[in-house]
Amino acid sequence: MVPPAERMRKMRARRRALGVRELRLVVPDARSKTVRRRIARQVARLKPASERDALAWIEAVSEFDEAR
């Protein structure tokens, strides 16, 4: 049996040959009560007018492909 480290090395080499690579993301755990409380506090401090401006800007600069 091939050791796990060797299997990972070969898998990464195959992916590199295809032009892709592994990307790891560390994100807050939304299942955690502490994280949920922190997010709720942050959301409560949002200013609706500022959020509307941000969304309007995002829509203005976004490209949508109508042909799909």
N, C-alpha and C. Protein backbone atom coordinates (compact mmCIF):
# COMPACT_ATOMS: atom_id res chain seq x y z
N MET A 1 0.84 -1.19 0.00
CA MET A 1 0.00 0.00 0.00
C MET A 1 0.89 1.25 0.00
N VAL A 2 0.49 2.23 -0.79
CA VAL A 2 1.25 3.48 -0.90
C VAL A 2 0.95 4.35 0.32
N PRO A 3 1.97 4.90 0.97
CA PRO A 3 1.75 5.76 2.13
C PRO A 3 0.91 7.01 1.76
N PRO A 4 0.11 7.51 2.70
CA PRO A 4 -0.75 8.66 2.42
C PRO A 4 0.02 9.88 1.88
N ALA A 5 1.19 10.15 2.42
CA ALA A 5 1.96 11.31 1.96
C ALA A 5 2.32 11.17 0.48
N GLU A 6 2.65 9.98 0.06
CA GLU A 6 3.01 9.73 -1.34
C GLU A 6 1.78 9.87 -2.24
N ARG A 7 0.62 9.36 -1.77
CA ARG A 7 -0.62 9.52 -2.55
C ARG A 7 -0.95 11.00 -2.74
N MET A 8 -0.78 11.79 -1.67
CA MET A 8 -1.05 13.23 -1.77
C MET A 8 -0.08 13.90 -2.75
N ARG A 9 1.18 13.52 -2.67
CA ARG A 9 2.18 14.10 -3.58
C ARG A 9 1.82 13.81 -5.03
N LYS A 10 1.42 12.57 -5.31
CA LYS A 10 1.05 12.19 -6.68
C LYS A 10 -0.22 12.92 -7.13
N MET A 11 -1.20 13.04 -6.21
CA MET A 11 -2.44 13.74 -6.55
C MET A 11 -2.14 15.21 -6.88
N ARG A 12 -1.30 15.84 -6.07
CA ARG A 12 -0.95 17.24 -6.34
C ARG A 12 -0.22 17.39 -7.67
N ALA A 13 0.63 16.44 -7.98
CA ALA A 13 1.35 16.47 -9.25
C ALA A 13 0.37 16.33 -10.42
N ARG A 14 -0.61 15.43 -10.29
CA ARG A 14 -1.62 15.29 -11.35
C ARG A 14 -2.41 16.58 -11.52
N ARG A 15 -2.78 17.19 -10.41
CA ARG A 15 -3.54 18.44 -10.49
C ARG A 15 -2.71 19.56 -11.11
N ARG A 16 -1.43 19.65 -10.72
CA ARG A 16 -0.55 20.67 -11.32
C ARG A 16 -0.45 20.48 -12.82
N ALA A 17 -0.39 19.21 -13.26
CA ALA A 17 -0.32 18.92 -14.69
C ALA A 17 -1.58 19.39 -15.41
N LEU A 18 -2.70 19.43 -14.68
CA LEU A 18 -3.96 19.92 -15.26
C LEU A 18 -4.08 21.44 -15.14
N GLY A 19 -3.12 22.05 -14.46
CA GLY A 19 -3.15 23.51 -14.30
C GLY A 19 -3.96 23.99 -13.12
N VAL A 20 -4.20 23.11 -12.15
CA VAL A 20 -4.93 23.51 -10.95
C VAL A 20 -4.09 23.19 -9.72
N ARG A 21 -4.44 23.86 -8.62
CA ARG A 21 -3.75 23.56 -7.39
C ARG A 21 -4.72 23.64 -6.22
N GLU A 22 -4.34 23.02 -5.13
CA GLU A 22 -5.17 22.97 -3.94
C GLU A 22 -5.18 24.34 -3.25
N LEU A 23 -6.34 24.71 -2.77
CA LEU A 23 -6.48 25.96 -2.03
C LEU A 23 -7.25 25.64 -0.77
N ARG A 24 -6.70 26.01 0.37
CA ARG A 24 -7.37 25.75 1.64
C ARG A 24 -7.88 27.06 2.20
N LEU A 25 -9.10 27.04 2.65
CA LEU A 25 -9.71 28.21 3.26
C LEU A 25 -10.07 27.89 4.70
N VAL A 26 -9.81 28.83 5.57
CA VAL A 26 -10.22 28.70 6.96
C VAL A 26 -11.28 29.75 7.17
N VAL A 27 -12.48 29.31 7.52
CA VAL A 27 -13.61 30.22 7.67
C VAL A 27 -14.23 30.05 9.06
N PRO A 28 -14.94 31.06 9.53
CA PRO A 28 -15.60 30.91 10.83
C PRO A 28 -16.62 29.77 10.79
N ASP A 29 -16.74 29.05 11.88
CA ASP A 29 -17.67 27.93 11.98
C ASP A 29 -19.04 28.46 12.38
N ALA A 30 -19.96 28.52 11.42
CA ALA A 30 -21.29 29.08 11.67
C ALA A 30 -22.10 28.22 12.64
N ARG A 31 -21.63 27.03 12.96
CA ARG A 31 -22.33 26.19 13.93
C ARG A 31 -21.99 26.58 15.37
N SER A 32 -20.93 27.37 15.54
CA SER A 32 -20.49 27.79 16.87
C SER A 32 -21.37 28.92 17.39
N LYS A 33 -21.86 28.78 18.61
CA LYS A 33 -22.69 29.83 19.21
C LYS A 33 -21.92 31.13 19.33
N THR A 34 -20.65 31.05 19.67
CA THR A 34 -19.82 32.25 19.81
C THR A 34 -19.72 32.99 18.48
N VAL A 35 -19.48 32.26 17.42
CA VAL A 35 -19.36 32.87 16.09
C VAL A 35 -20.70 33.47 15.68
N ARG A 36 -21.78 32.75 15.92
CA ARG A 36 -23.12 33.24 15.55
C ARG A 36 -23.45 34.53 16.29
N ARG A 37 -23.08 34.61 17.57
CA ARG A 37 -23.33 35.84 18.33
C ARG A 37 -22.50 36.99 17.77
N ARG A 38 -21.24 36.71 17.45
CA ARG A 38 -20.36 37.75 16.89
C ARG A 38 -20.91 38.27 15.56
N ILE A 39 -21.37 37.36 14.71
CA ILE A 39 -21.94 37.76 13.42
C ILE A 39 -23.21 38.57 13.63
N ALA A 40 -24.05 38.14 14.57
CA ALA A 40 -25.29 38.87 14.85
C ALA A 40 -25.00 40.29 15.31
N ARG A 41 -23.97 40.46 16.16
CA ARG A 41 -23.60 41.82 16.60
C ARG A 41 -23.13 42.66 15.42
N GLN A 42 -22.35 42.06 14.54
CA GLN A 42 -21.84 42.80 13.38
C GLN A 42 -22.98 43.18 12.44
N VAL A 43 -23.90 42.28 12.22
CA VAL A 43 -25.04 42.56 11.34
C VAL A 43 -25.90 43.67 11.93
N ALA A 44 -26.09 43.64 13.25
CA ALA A 44 -26.92 44.66 13.92
C ALA A 44 -26.32 46.06 13.76
N ARG A 45 -25.00 46.14 13.59
CA ARG A 45 -24.34 47.45 13.44
C ARG A 45 -24.32 47.96 12.00
N LEU A 46 -24.78 47.15 11.04
CA LEU A 46 -24.79 47.60 9.64
C LEU A 46 -25.76 48.76 9.46
N LYS A 47 -25.37 49.68 8.60
CA LYS A 47 -26.23 50.82 8.29
C LYS A 47 -26.93 50.55 6.96
N PRO A 48 -28.27 50.48 6.96
CA PRO A 48 -29.01 50.13 5.74
C PRO A 48 -28.65 51.00 4.53
N ALA A 49 -28.49 52.30 4.72
CA ALA A 49 -28.17 53.18 3.59
C ALA A 49 -26.82 52.82 2.99
N SER A 50 -25.86 52.56 3.84
CA SER A 50 -24.53 52.20 3.37
C SER A 50 -24.55 50.86 2.63
N GLU A 51 -25.33 49.92 3.15
CA GLU A 51 -25.45 48.62 2.50
C GLU A 51 -26.12 48.74 1.14
N ARG A 52 -27.14 49.59 1.04
CA ARG A 52 -27.80 49.81 -0.25
C ARG A 52 -26.81 50.39 -1.26
N ASP A 53 -25.99 51.34 -0.81
CA ASP A 53 -24.98 51.93 -1.70
C ASP A 53 -24.00 50.86 -2.18
N ALA A 54 -23.57 50.01 -1.26
CA ALA A 54 -22.62 48.95 -1.62
C ALA A 54 -23.23 47.99 -2.63
N LEU A 55 -24.48 47.59 -2.39
CA LEU A 55 -25.14 46.67 -3.33
C LEU A 55 -25.36 47.33 -4.69
N ALA A 56 -25.70 48.60 -4.69
CA ALA A 56 -25.89 49.32 -5.96
C ALA A 56 -24.57 49.35 -6.74
N TRP A 57 -23.47 49.59 -6.04
CA TRP A 57 -22.17 49.63 -6.70
C TRP A 57 -21.83 48.25 -7.27
N ILE A 58 -22.06 47.20 -6.48
CA ILE A 58 -21.77 45.84 -6.95
C ILE A 58 -22.56 45.53 -8.21
N GLU A 59 -23.83 45.88 -8.22
CA GLU A 59 -24.65 45.64 -9.41
C GLU A 59 -24.15 46.46 -10.60
N ALA A 60 -23.69 47.69 -10.35
CA ALA A 60 -23.23 48.55 -11.44
C ALA A 60 -21.97 48.02 -12.09
N VAL A 61 -21.09 47.40 -11.32
CA VAL A 61 -19.82 46.96 -11.88
C VAL A 61 -19.83 45.50 -12.28
N SER A 62 -20.90 44.79 -11.96
CA SER A 62 -20.98 43.36 -12.31
C SER A 62 -21.32 43.18 -13.78
N GLU A 63 -20.82 42.10 -14.33
CA GLU A 63 -21.14 41.75 -15.71
C GLU A 63 -22.08 40.55 -15.68
N PHE A 64 -23.19 40.68 -16.36
CA PHE A 64 -24.15 39.58 -16.42
C PHE A 64 -24.25 39.12 -17.86
N ASP A 65 -24.19 37.82 -18.04
CA ASP A 65 -24.29 37.24 -19.37
C ASP A 65 -25.75 36.86 -19.62
N GLU A 66 -26.45 37.67 -20.37
CA GLU A 66 -27.88 37.47 -20.63
C GLU A 66 -28.11 36.25 -21.53
N ALA A 67 -27.10 35.77 -22.23
CA ALA A 67 -27.28 34.70 -23.20
C ALA A 67 -27.49 33.33 -22.53
N ARG A 68 -27.23 33.20 -21.26
CA ARG A 68 -27.34 31.89 -20.61
C ARG A 68 -28.72 31.44 -20.45
